[in-house]
Protein backbone atom coordinates (compact mmCIF):
# COMPACT_ATOMS: atom_id res chain seq x y z
CA UNK A 1 136.06 -153.18 -0.82
CA UNK A 2 139.50 -154.12 -1.06
CA UNK A 3 142.26 -155.60 -3.88
CA UNK A 4 143.91 -158.64 -2.61
CA UNK A 5 147.44 -157.48 -4.10
CA UNK A 6 148.66 -156.86 -1.01
CA UNK A 7 148.02 -160.02 0.89
CA UNK A 8 151.67 -160.54 1.50
CA UNK A 9 152.51 -156.87 2.28
CA UNK A 10 149.78 -157.34 5.10
CA UNK A 11 151.43 -160.15 6.48
CA UNK A 12 154.88 -158.66 6.03
CA UNK A 13 154.02 -155.62 7.97
CA UNK A 14 152.23 -157.10 10.75
CA UNK A 15 155.60 -159.47 11.03
CA UNK A 16 158.04 -156.30 10.91
CA UNK A 17 155.37 -154.22 13.35
CA UNK A 18 156.07 -157.31 15.65
CA UNK A 19 159.68 -157.08 15.77
CA UNK A 20 159.09 -153.34 16.62
CA UNK A 21 157.14 -153.95 19.40
CA UNK A 22 159.08 -156.49 20.72
CA UNK A 23 161.98 -153.62 20.96
CA UNK A 24 159.52 -151.36 22.86
CA UNK A 25 158.28 -151.09 26.51
CA UNK A 26 154.83 -153.38 26.75
CA UNK A 27 151.81 -151.07 26.37
CA UNK A 28 148.43 -151.54 25.91
CA UNK A 29 146.76 -152.80 23.05
CA UNK A 30 143.01 -152.29 21.49
CA UNK A 31 140.45 -154.94 21.53
CA UNK A 32 139.95 -156.97 18.68
CA UNK A 33 136.33 -158.33 17.93
CA UNK A 34 136.59 -161.70 16.46
CA UNK A 35 133.22 -162.23 15.52
CA UNK A 36 133.05 -162.56 11.53
CA UNK A 37 136.83 -161.40 11.39
CA UNK A 38 138.26 -162.67 7.95
CA UNK A 39 141.99 -164.67 7.63
CA UNK A 40 143.94 -161.94 6.97
CA UNK A 41 141.95 -159.42 9.81
CA UNK A 42 143.17 -161.98 12.26
CA UNK A 43 146.78 -162.19 11.05
CA UNK A 44 147.01 -158.17 11.40
CA UNK A 45 145.85 -158.93 14.76
CA UNK A 46 148.17 -161.44 15.98
CA UNK A 47 151.07 -159.24 14.25
CA UNK A 48 150.36 -156.32 15.91
CA UNK A 49 149.30 -158.14 19.69
CA UNK A 50 145.93 -157.56 19.55
CA UNK A 51 145.21 -160.91 19.50
CA UNK A 52 147.62 -164.73 19.97
CA UNK A 53 146.76 -167.65 18.29
CA UNK A 54 145.81 -169.18 21.99
CA UNK A 55 143.36 -166.81 22.31
CA UNK A 56 141.61 -167.01 19.10
CA UNK A 57 141.67 -170.89 20.00
CA UNK A 58 139.66 -170.08 23.66
CA UNK A 59 137.30 -168.09 22.14
CA UNK A 60 136.08 -170.52 19.39
CA UNK A 61 136.50 -173.06 22.24
CA UNK A 62 134.11 -170.88 24.39
CA UNK A 63 131.59 -170.72 21.11
CA UNK A 64 131.40 -173.82 20.91
CA UNK A 65 130.62 -174.49 24.00
CA UNK A 66 127.97 -172.52 24.39
CA UNK A 67 125.86 -172.99 21.08
CA UNK A 68 127.35 -176.97 19.80
CA UNK A 69 126.72 -178.47 23.69
CA UNK A 70 124.72 -181.27 24.85
CA UNK A 71 120.84 -180.91 23.56
CA UNK A 72 118.67 -179.77 21.09
CA UNK A 73 121.64 -177.56 19.47
CA UNK A 74 123.87 -177.21 15.86
CA UNK A 75 125.60 -180.74 16.77
CA UNK A 76 128.13 -179.38 14.32
CA UNK A 77 131.07 -180.93 15.71
CA UNK A 78 132.07 -184.05 15.86
CA UNK A 79 135.31 -184.19 17.71
CA UNK A 80 137.22 -181.50 19.76
CA UNK A 81 140.79 -181.77 18.94
CA UNK A 82 142.66 -181.93 22.56
CA UNK A 83 145.92 -180.25 21.72
CA UNK A 84 144.59 -177.37 19.93
CA UNK A 85 145.56 -175.39 22.97
CA UNK A 86 149.31 -176.54 22.76
CA UNK A 87 149.40 -176.39 19.43
CA UNK A 88 148.57 -172.89 19.60
CA UNK A 89 151.12 -171.92 22.20
CA UNK A 90 153.79 -173.56 20.37
CA UNK A 91 153.01 -171.61 16.90
CA UNK A 92 152.65 -167.99 19.07
CA UNK A 93 156.50 -168.93 20.26
CA UNK A 94 157.19 -169.17 16.74
CA UNK A 95 155.82 -166.05 15.79
CA UNK A 96 157.32 -164.60 17.98
CA UNK A 97 160.75 -165.64 17.55
CA UNK A 98 161.00 -166.43 13.75
CA UNK A 99 157.37 -164.39 12.44
CA UNK A 100 154.64 -166.41 10.85
CA UNK A 101 154.85 -168.79 8.06
CA UNK A 102 152.10 -167.47 5.93
CA UNK A 103 148.97 -166.39 6.07
CA UNK A 104 147.48 -169.70 7.76
CA UNK A 105 149.47 -169.06 10.63
CA UNK A 106 147.50 -169.67 14.45
CA UNK A 107 144.18 -170.18 12.44
CA UNK A 108 142.29 -172.18 13.79
CA UNK A 109 139.88 -174.64 11.20
CA UNK A 110 137.46 -177.20 11.59
CA UNK A 111 137.96 -180.63 9.13
CA UNK A 112 135.13 -182.74 8.13
CA UNK A 113 135.17 -186.00 9.64
CA UNK A 114 135.85 -187.98 6.30
CA UNK A 115 139.22 -186.61 6.52
CA UNK A 116 141.97 -188.50 8.23
CA UNK A 117 143.22 -186.59 11.45
CA UNK A 118 146.09 -187.62 13.64
CA UNK A 119 145.07 -187.73 17.28
CA UNK A 120 141.56 -187.90 16.36
CA UNK A 121 138.76 -190.58 15.03
CA UNK A 122 137.59 -190.53 11.24
CA UNK A 123 134.49 -192.10 11.25
CA UNK A 124 132.14 -190.58 8.08
CA UNK A 125 129.43 -190.15 10.53
CA UNK A 126 129.38 -193.47 11.53
CA UNK A 127 128.49 -195.43 14.59
CA UNK A 128 130.62 -198.09 13.48
CA UNK A 129 134.16 -196.18 13.12
CA UNK A 130 133.57 -194.25 15.66
CA UNK A 131 136.74 -195.17 17.42
CA UNK A 132 138.64 -195.50 13.93
CA UNK A 133 142.17 -193.52 13.41
CA UNK A 134 144.73 -193.95 10.75
CA UNK A 135 147.40 -191.75 12.76
CA UNK A 136 148.23 -190.16 9.79
CA UNK A 137 146.89 -187.11 8.31
CA UNK A 138 144.77 -186.87 5.11
CA UNK A 139 147.12 -184.75 2.19
CA UNK A 140 145.68 -181.61 2.39
CA UNK A 141 145.01 -181.83 6.17
CA UNK A 142 149.21 -182.14 6.27
CA UNK A 143 149.73 -179.07 3.91
CA UNK A 144 147.26 -177.02 6.31
CA UNK A 145 149.15 -178.12 9.42
CA UNK A 146 152.86 -176.89 7.21
CA UNK A 147 151.21 -173.57 6.71
CA UNK A 148 150.62 -173.46 10.19
CA UNK A 149 146.93 -174.01 10.44
CA UNK A 150 145.61 -175.31 13.91
CA UNK A 151 142.77 -178.30 13.68
CA UNK A 152 140.65 -177.05 16.15
CA UNK A 153 138.23 -180.29 15.72
CA UNK A 154 136.30 -182.32 13.03
CA UNK A 155 132.87 -181.52 12.04
CA UNK A 156 129.54 -183.98 11.66
CA UNK A 157 128.81 -184.81 8.10
CA UNK A 158 126.11 -186.76 6.22
CA UNK A 159 126.91 -190.85 6.74
CA UNK A 160 129.45 -191.63 4.27
CA UNK A 161 128.95 -188.95 2.34
CA UNK A 162 125.75 -190.43 1.32
CA UNK A 163 123.11 -187.41 1.44
CA UNK A 164 122.45 -183.72 1.55
CA UNK A 165 121.14 -182.75 4.64
CA UNK A 166 123.54 -184.25 6.92
CA UNK A 167 122.72 -187.24 9.62
CA UNK A 168 124.27 -189.88 10.48
CA UNK A 169 124.23 -193.40 13.32
CA UNK A 170 127.34 -191.88 14.29
CA UNK A 171 126.57 -188.15 15.34
CA UNK A 172 122.74 -187.55 14.94
CA UNK A 173 121.53 -184.60 12.76
CA UNK A 174 123.51 -181.22 12.68
CA UNK A 175 120.84 -177.97 12.40
CA UNK A 176 121.25 -174.94 10.57
CA UNK A 177 122.39 -172.33 12.11
CA UNK A 178 119.85 -169.86 10.40
CA UNK A 179 117.21 -172.07 11.48
CA UNK A 180 118.01 -174.34 13.69
CA UNK A 181 114.75 -176.72 12.72
CA UNK A 182 116.39 -177.12 9.48
CA UNK A 183 119.22 -178.84 8.04
CA UNK A 184 122.52 -177.28 7.06
CA UNK A 185 122.92 -178.62 3.62
CA UNK A 186 125.06 -181.79 3.40
CA UNK A 187 127.27 -184.15 3.31
CA UNK A 188 129.64 -181.27 4.72
CA UNK A 189 127.13 -179.69 6.54
CA UNK A 190 128.78 -179.76 10.01
CA UNK A 191 131.94 -177.79 8.14
CA UNK A 192 128.93 -175.56 6.66
CA UNK A 193 127.22 -174.90 10.06
CA UNK A 194 130.45 -174.74 12.33
CA UNK A 195 131.38 -171.99 10.08
CA UNK A 196 128.50 -169.91 9.29
CA UNK A 197 128.54 -170.18 13.36
CA UNK A 198 131.99 -168.49 13.86
CA UNK A 199 133.39 -172.30 15.98
CA UNK A 200 136.45 -171.63 13.49
CA UNK A 201 138.01 -169.25 10.68
CA UNK A 202 137.06 -171.36 7.75
CA UNK A 203 136.77 -175.20 7.43
CA UNK A 204 137.15 -178.01 5.07
CA UNK A 205 134.85 -180.37 3.15
CA UNK A 206 134.25 -182.46 0.28
CA UNK A 207 132.58 -182.95 -2.89
CA UNK A 208 130.97 -186.06 -4.73
CA UNK A 209 127.99 -183.94 -5.96
CA UNK A 210 126.59 -180.86 -3.89
CA UNK A 211 128.36 -181.65 -0.73
CA UNK A 212 130.57 -178.57 -0.46
CA UNK A 213 128.44 -176.12 -2.20
CA UNK A 214 124.93 -176.59 -0.88
CA UNK A 215 126.59 -176.37 2.46
CA UNK A 216 127.84 -173.14 1.70
CA UNK A 217 124.45 -172.06 -0.01
CA UNK A 218 122.09 -173.10 2.71
CA UNK A 219 124.66 -171.43 5.75
CA UNK A 220 125.23 -168.01 3.81
CA UNK A 221 128.97 -169.32 2.98
CA UNK A 222 131.34 -169.38 -0.21
CA UNK A 223 131.77 -173.03 -1.37
CA UNK A 224 134.14 -174.28 -4.19
CA UNK A 225 134.24 -177.89 -6.19
CA UNK A 226 137.58 -177.21 -8.15
CA UNK A 227 138.25 -179.28 -11.28
CA UNK A 228 138.11 -182.91 -10.86
CA UNK A 229 142.15 -183.17 -9.71
CA UNK A 230 142.57 -180.02 -8.59
CA UNK A 231 143.34 -181.16 -5.09
CA UNK A 232 144.20 -184.38 -3.18
CA UNK A 233 142.04 -187.24 -2.29
CA UNK A 234 144.41 -188.95 -0.30
CA UNK A 235 143.43 -189.33 2.97
CA UNK A 236 139.67 -188.75 2.45
CA UNK A 237 136.98 -191.35 3.29
CA UNK A 238 135.79 -192.27 -0.42
CA UNK A 239 132.14 -192.29 -1.75
CA UNK A 240 133.11 -192.09 -5.66
CA UNK A 241 136.84 -191.90 -6.85
CA UNK A 242 135.81 -190.53 -10.13
CA UNK A 243 133.99 -187.45 -8.37
CA UNK A 244 135.26 -186.79 -5.34
CA UNK A 245 136.95 -183.52 -4.06
CA UNK A 246 137.79 -181.77 -0.84
CA UNK A 247 138.08 -178.56 -0.07
CA UNK A 248 137.55 -175.34 1.91
CA UNK A 249 133.91 -173.65 2.72
CA UNK A 250 134.51 -170.17 4.17
CA UNK A 251 132.96 -166.70 5.18
CA UNK A 252 134.33 -165.21 2.55
CA UNK A 253 135.83 -165.85 -0.56
CA UNK A 254 139.34 -164.25 -0.05
CA UNK A 255 139.24 -166.99 3.21
CA UNK A 256 138.53 -169.75 0.64
CA UNK A 257 141.27 -168.16 -1.63
CA UNK A 258 143.16 -168.35 0.98
CA UNK A 259 142.87 -172.24 2.13
CA UNK A 260 142.92 -172.92 -1.47
CA UNK A 261 146.64 -171.72 -1.90
CA UNK A 262 147.56 -173.76 0.82
CA UNK A 263 146.55 -177.31 -0.34
CA UNK A 264 146.02 -177.59 -4.13
CA UNK A 265 148.05 -179.14 -6.39
CA UNK A 266 149.71 -182.31 -7.49
CA UNK A 267 150.20 -185.15 -4.94
CA UNK A 268 152.43 -188.16 -5.91
CA UNK A 269 149.69 -190.17 -3.59
CA UNK A 270 146.87 -189.46 -5.73
CA UNK A 271 147.81 -189.66 -9.69
CA UNK A 272 144.50 -187.65 -10.38
CA UNK A 273 145.94 -184.52 -9.41
CA UNK A 274 149.07 -185.00 -12.36
CA UNK A 275 146.41 -182.80 -14.43
CA UNK A 276 146.87 -179.75 -11.86
CA UNK A 277 150.27 -179.09 -13.34
CA UNK A 278 151.10 -176.05 -15.06
CA UNK A 279 147.30 -175.10 -14.39
CA UNK A 280 147.22 -173.36 -10.74
CA UNK A 281 148.32 -169.95 -10.36
CA UNK A 282 151.11 -169.32 -7.91
CA UNK A 283 148.44 -167.99 -5.57
CA UNK A 284 144.64 -167.40 -6.00
CA UNK A 285 144.17 -165.12 -3.50
CA UNK A 286 146.00 -162.13 -5.22
CA UNK A 287 143.90 -162.21 -8.04
CA UNK A 288 140.73 -161.73 -6.73
CA UNK A 289 139.70 -158.04 -8.05
CA UNK A 290 136.29 -156.10 -7.03
CA UNK A 291 136.16 -155.16 -10.56
CA UNK A 292 136.17 -158.81 -12.02
CA UNK A 293 133.02 -158.56 -13.28
CA UNK A 294 133.44 -155.97 -15.79
CA UNK A 295 133.12 -157.18 -19.45
CA UNK A 296 132.34 -160.52 -18.27
CA UNK A 297 129.65 -163.14 -19.94
CA UNK A 298 126.90 -164.55 -17.73
CA UNK A 299 124.40 -167.06 -19.15
CA UNK A 300 121.61 -168.13 -16.63
CA UNK A 301 120.91 -171.77 -17.48
CA UNK A 302 117.07 -171.92 -17.41
CA UNK A 303 117.13 -175.74 -17.32
CA UNK A 304 118.36 -174.99 -13.31
CA UNK A 305 116.65 -171.86 -13.06
CA UNK A 306 112.84 -172.86 -12.71
CA UNK A 307 112.20 -176.40 -12.92
CA UNK A 308 109.16 -176.31 -10.64
CA UNK A 309 106.64 -173.32 -9.15
CA UNK A 310 108.13 -174.31 -5.61
CA UNK A 311 111.89 -173.08 -7.28
CA UNK A 312 110.51 -169.53 -7.44
CA UNK A 313 111.45 -168.09 -3.82
CA UNK A 314 115.08 -168.41 -4.70
CA UNK A 315 114.88 -167.86 -8.19
CA UNK A 316 113.82 -164.36 -7.07
CA UNK A 317 117.05 -163.81 -4.93
CA UNK A 318 118.96 -165.22 -7.17
CA UNK A 319 117.40 -163.18 -9.78
CA UNK A 320 118.80 -160.05 -7.26
CA UNK A 321 122.05 -160.98 -7.48
CA UNK A 322 121.96 -161.58 -11.40
CA UNK A 323 121.16 -157.63 -11.60
CA UNK A 324 123.87 -156.62 -9.11
CA UNK A 325 126.26 -158.75 -11.30
CA UNK A 326 125.31 -156.61 -14.52
CA UNK A 327 125.54 -153.13 -12.66
CA UNK A 328 128.68 -154.11 -11.85
CA UNK A 329 129.91 -154.58 -15.34
CA UNK A 330 128.58 -157.68 -16.55
CA UNK A 331 126.67 -158.94 -19.70
CA UNK A 332 123.75 -161.19 -18.26
CA UNK A 333 122.00 -163.56 -20.95
CA UNK A 334 119.41 -166.22 -20.77
CA UNK A 335 120.81 -169.64 -22.20
CA UNK A 336 118.97 -173.00 -22.25
CA UNK A 337 120.45 -176.40 -23.86
CA UNK A 338 117.98 -178.53 -25.59
CA UNK A 339 119.42 -181.79 -25.18
CA UNK A 340 119.57 -181.24 -21.01
CA UNK A 341 117.59 -183.27 -19.14
CA UNK A 342 118.78 -186.28 -21.53
CA UNK A 343 122.40 -185.27 -20.82
CA UNK A 344 122.05 -184.73 -16.56
CA UNK A 345 119.21 -187.58 -16.16
CA UNK A 346 120.94 -190.07 -17.55
CA UNK A 347 121.69 -193.84 -16.00
CA UNK A 348 120.13 -193.80 -12.40
CA UNK A 349 119.20 -190.05 -12.30
CA UNK A 350 122.90 -189.21 -13.31
CA UNK A 351 124.41 -190.86 -10.23
CA UNK A 352 125.19 -194.32 -11.61
CA UNK A 353 128.59 -193.60 -11.42
CA UNK A 354 128.77 -192.36 -7.33
CA UNK A 355 126.36 -195.41 -6.91
CA UNK A 356 128.48 -198.03 -8.28
CA UNK A 357 132.25 -196.27 -7.27
CA UNK A 358 131.02 -195.96 -3.79
CA UNK A 359 130.47 -199.89 -3.21
CA UNK A 360 134.44 -200.71 -4.68
CA UNK A 361 136.22 -197.74 -3.18
CA UNK A 362 134.94 -198.01 0.60
CA UNK A 363 135.66 -202.00 0.42
CA UNK A 364 138.98 -201.55 -0.98
CA UNK A 365 139.67 -198.75 1.69
CA UNK A 366 138.37 -200.36 4.49
CA UNK A 367 140.30 -203.16 3.51
CA UNK A 368 143.77 -201.63 3.05
CA UNK A 369 143.34 -200.61 6.74
CA UNK A 370 143.79 -203.71 9.15
CA UNK A 371 142.33 -201.48 12.43
CA UNK A 372 139.17 -200.96 10.54
CA UNK A 373 136.21 -202.32 12.63
CA UNK A 374 134.27 -203.76 9.34
CA UNK A 375 136.44 -204.74 5.94
CA UNK A 376 133.41 -204.26 3.28
CA UNK A 377 129.86 -202.15 2.61
CA UNK A 378 128.52 -206.00 3.06
CA UNK A 379 129.28 -206.29 6.47
CA UNK A 380 128.52 -202.50 7.41
CA UNK A 381 124.72 -203.94 5.93
CA UNK A 382 124.74 -206.99 7.95
CA UNK A 383 125.11 -204.52 11.22
CA UNK A 384 122.81 -202.76 11.04
CA UNK A 385 124.49 -200.09 12.48
CA UNK A 386 123.93 -197.17 9.71
CA UNK A 387 120.79 -194.24 9.61
CA UNK A 388 118.04 -195.44 8.23
CA UNK A 389 118.09 -192.46 5.94
CA UNK A 390 121.23 -194.04 4.31
CA UNK A 391 119.82 -197.58 3.93
CA UNK A 392 118.63 -197.24 0.61
CA UNK A 393 121.45 -195.66 -0.59
CA UNK A 394 123.66 -198.67 0.77
CA UNK A 395 122.05 -201.30 -0.65
CA UNK A 396 120.93 -200.26 -3.90
CA UNK A 397 125.35 -199.56 -4.05
CA UNK A 398 125.70 -203.02 -2.69
CA UNK A 399 123.90 -204.69 -6.03
CA UNK A 400 126.02 -203.11 -8.18
CA UNK A 401 127.78 -206.17 -9.74
CA UNK A 402 129.81 -207.57 -12.61
CA UNK A 403 126.40 -207.24 -14.87
CA UNK A 404 126.48 -203.58 -14.35
CA UNK A 405 129.96 -202.82 -15.57
CA UNK A 406 128.79 -202.34 -19.37
CA UNK A 407 126.21 -199.42 -17.92
CA UNK A 408 128.93 -197.96 -15.99
CA UNK A 409 131.51 -197.77 -18.63
CA UNK A 410 128.85 -196.16 -20.96
CA UNK A 411 128.05 -193.90 -18.38
CA UNK A 412 131.83 -193.00 -17.92
CA UNK A 413 132.06 -191.98 -21.71
CA UNK A 414 128.62 -189.92 -21.67
CA UNK A 415 130.21 -187.68 -19.41
CA UNK A 416 132.65 -187.55 -21.67
CA UNK A 417 129.75 -186.15 -24.10
CA UNK A 418 127.91 -184.10 -21.08
CA UNK A 419 131.14 -181.82 -20.13
CA UNK A 420 131.91 -181.45 -24.81
CA UNK A 421 128.10 -180.21 -24.45
CA UNK A 422 128.72 -177.75 -21.73
CA UNK A 423 131.64 -176.53 -23.29
CA UNK A 424 130.45 -175.90 -26.73
CA UNK A 425 127.51 -173.93 -25.18
CA UNK A 426 129.59 -171.45 -23.21
CA UNK A 427 132.12 -171.12 -26.56
CA UNK A 428 129.07 -170.61 -28.80
CA UNK A 429 128.07 -167.85 -26.47
CA UNK A 430 131.67 -166.14 -25.61
CA UNK A 431 130.52 -167.39 -21.68
CA UNK A 432 133.13 -166.88 -19.12
CA UNK A 433 130.67 -168.83 -16.74
CA UNK A 434 126.86 -170.56 -16.61
CA UNK A 435 124.95 -169.04 -13.57
CA UNK A 436 122.16 -171.27 -11.31
CA UNK A 437 120.71 -171.55 -7.85
CA UNK A 438 123.33 -174.16 -6.19
CA UNK A 439 119.70 -175.07 -4.91
CA UNK A 440 116.45 -174.25 -6.03
CA UNK A 441 115.14 -174.88 -2.37
CA UNK A 442 115.63 -173.33 0.69
CA UNK A 443 117.00 -175.70 3.61
CA UNK A 444 114.27 -178.03 4.52
CA UNK A 445 112.55 -178.76 7.91
CA UNK A 446 115.05 -181.38 9.87
CA UNK A 447 113.93 -185.00 8.77
CA UNK A 448 112.07 -184.19 5.50
CA UNK A 449 113.96 -184.82 1.95
CA UNK A 450 115.64 -181.48 0.65
CA UNK A 451 114.48 -181.17 -2.86
CA UNK A 452 116.33 -178.85 -5.60
CA UNK A 453 119.61 -179.96 -6.01
CA UNK A 454 121.82 -178.96 -9.26
CA UNK A 455 124.92 -180.56 -7.74
CA UNK A 456 124.95 -182.66 -11.03
CA UNK A 457 126.09 -180.41 -13.43
CA UNK A 458 129.42 -179.71 -12.18
CA UNK A 459 130.18 -183.36 -10.52
CA UNK A 460 129.06 -184.98 -13.39
CA UNK A 461 131.35 -183.20 -16.54
CA UNK A 462 134.38 -182.00 -13.92
CA UNK A 463 133.92 -178.77 -14.77
CA UNK A 464 135.02 -176.27 -11.88
CA UNK A 465 131.67 -174.15 -9.40
CA UNK A 466 131.59 -172.26 -6.99
CA UNK A 467 128.70 -171.19 -4.69
CA UNK A 468 128.42 -167.94 -3.32
CA UNK A 469 125.96 -165.99 -1.02
CA UNK A 470 123.16 -164.44 -3.69
CA UNK A 471 120.97 -163.20 -0.32
CA UNK A 472 118.22 -164.34 1.87
CA UNK A 473 114.48 -165.71 1.46
CA UNK A 474 112.01 -163.18 3.09
CA UNK A 475 111.58 -165.57 6.17
CA UNK A 476 115.90 -165.16 6.59
CA UNK A 477 117.54 -168.31 4.68
CA UNK A 478 120.24 -167.95 3.10
CA UNK A 479 120.74 -168.72 -0.61
CA UNK A 480 123.48 -169.57 -3.22
CA UNK A 481 124.22 -168.72 -6.62
CA UNK A 482 126.23 -170.78 -8.22
CA UNK A 483 128.82 -170.40 -10.74
CA UNK A 484 130.21 -172.82 -13.51
CA UNK A 485 133.80 -171.99 -15.50
CA UNK A 486 135.65 -174.10 -17.77
CA UNK A 487 138.18 -176.24 -16.59
CA UNK A 488 141.33 -174.97 -14.53
CA UNK A 489 138.69 -171.73 -14.70
CA UNK A 490 138.82 -171.38 -10.55
CA UNK A 491 141.10 -167.78 -10.94
CA UNK A 492 138.34 -166.41 -13.08
CA UNK A 493 135.54 -168.09 -10.62
CA UNK A 494 136.88 -166.50 -7.91
CA UNK A 495 137.71 -163.65 -9.25
CA UNK A 496 133.67 -162.59 -10.15
CA UNK A 497 132.46 -164.70 -7.04
CA UNK A 498 134.79 -161.74 -5.22
CA UNK A 499 133.53 -158.93 -7.02
CA UNK A 500 129.89 -159.99 -6.24
CA UNK A 501 130.67 -160.50 -2.87
CA UNK A 502 132.15 -157.35 -2.29
CA UNK A 503 129.21 -155.35 -4.12
CA UNK A 504 126.31 -156.96 -2.38
CA UNK A 505 127.90 -157.64 1.20
CA UNK A 506 124.91 -160.08 2.17
CA UNK A 507 127.08 -162.08 4.83
CA UNK A 508 125.33 -162.09 7.96
CA UNK A 509 126.52 -164.02 11.09
CA UNK A 510 123.60 -166.15 12.76
CA UNK A 511 121.72 -165.31 15.89
CA UNK A 512 122.08 -167.90 18.16
CA UNK A 513 121.18 -167.83 21.92
CA UNK A 514 123.99 -169.59 24.64
CA UNK A 515 123.01 -173.33 25.81
CA UNK A 516 122.54 -171.98 29.49
CA UNK A 517 119.42 -169.90 28.01
CA UNK A 518 116.57 -172.74 29.01
CA UNK A 519 113.96 -171.58 25.22
CA UNK A 520 117.09 -171.06 22.93
CA UNK A 521 115.04 -173.08 20.39
């Protein structure tokens, strides 16, 4: 268990050790075990000469080659960065000559394939966009590069982000590293599987309705959907401008906080981020405390706990995590919203905004890029080049027209009411967070529908929510606990998730078999 106030101290100590070592004769250093190492551990190892960024890149590329190659393997990676080794070498020289830029210097990351990324295609999981490049970085990718991170590659995703199992015409289906006959969640399932399988230190996803949090839950990871406007959407192929938000997935709360520190904040090219000004702490990472649950009040939202008898398996694991929170000094009580079904299952079962936005947002995005191979959703449908699993969603969005505008505007107003009702419930109970399963069912078998999503509470109110590992089902599948807080209360959510994580320590690496084995699955 570790307090995080020493984050900068660790980095400075590693830098000082590096300077001292440069003045001494070479000496042998102990081997460093990279598997499951967190970002600060990697930084200390690089600062003390046990590791280099180049060695890290080589290690992760070797794992990708072993576990993500051709055949029925994880299929998490869409594209590898051919410049990753050269970038690592340059960052190693910079570290030697000038010291590290910060906590992400030389750290390899994976990026979901809807983020524009220099030197690599941006496909959104679509075969139609297999060669599409914008020759620019999304704002969050640019910030990561500035911080010294290495983009090792891009990850598979559910086509256009329009689903929660991660399958598409571009790269097929990604498999869950904890059970390769099951899905990894979506739409950021490639990032989830890659980070869980230690293909990189951490990664970036995007969340329109659960697309960060569901892969976090299915892959024993931490994932945050921030308050709408926390981070820039610029350069992310849109699904819904109303609901889209990018953010990290990581193996620990600390790693997630370090990536947030590098990526959040105002971007003049994304007016939504103006709301974040004055609401973001200097560092999320330095606010993490193992005693953060002491005195907190947690409301277990029964409306999202046991909707049907099939939810009991996941609910039992959630119950154990809630008991642990109570043991850490939190008051845990059951709460209900009397009108919850009406609020969450509004027009189109709460998906009208997303459905409507996609047609107009993707049309606008494609039209502004002269090299895009298609210019509209209608052209995508006429091409027939899309995965069958997304066809119904694409056609429903294309059917949106001027007649749907009245319902769309009414739904926007409904969301204001929805958020007010949730905030009022929390205020009346003096609650610091609402708790419920990120998704009420374990990962479904490949090719089957994935029921049980609780994505709409956060997505449709704009309130922040974090998914943190809660444990495993009896057959070894990860379960995620979601905590939802008030507007701009990310720091509190991170601190509470960190306290739980440190106490129950349920993160474990999936058991994978190298691709040269005959019976890997």
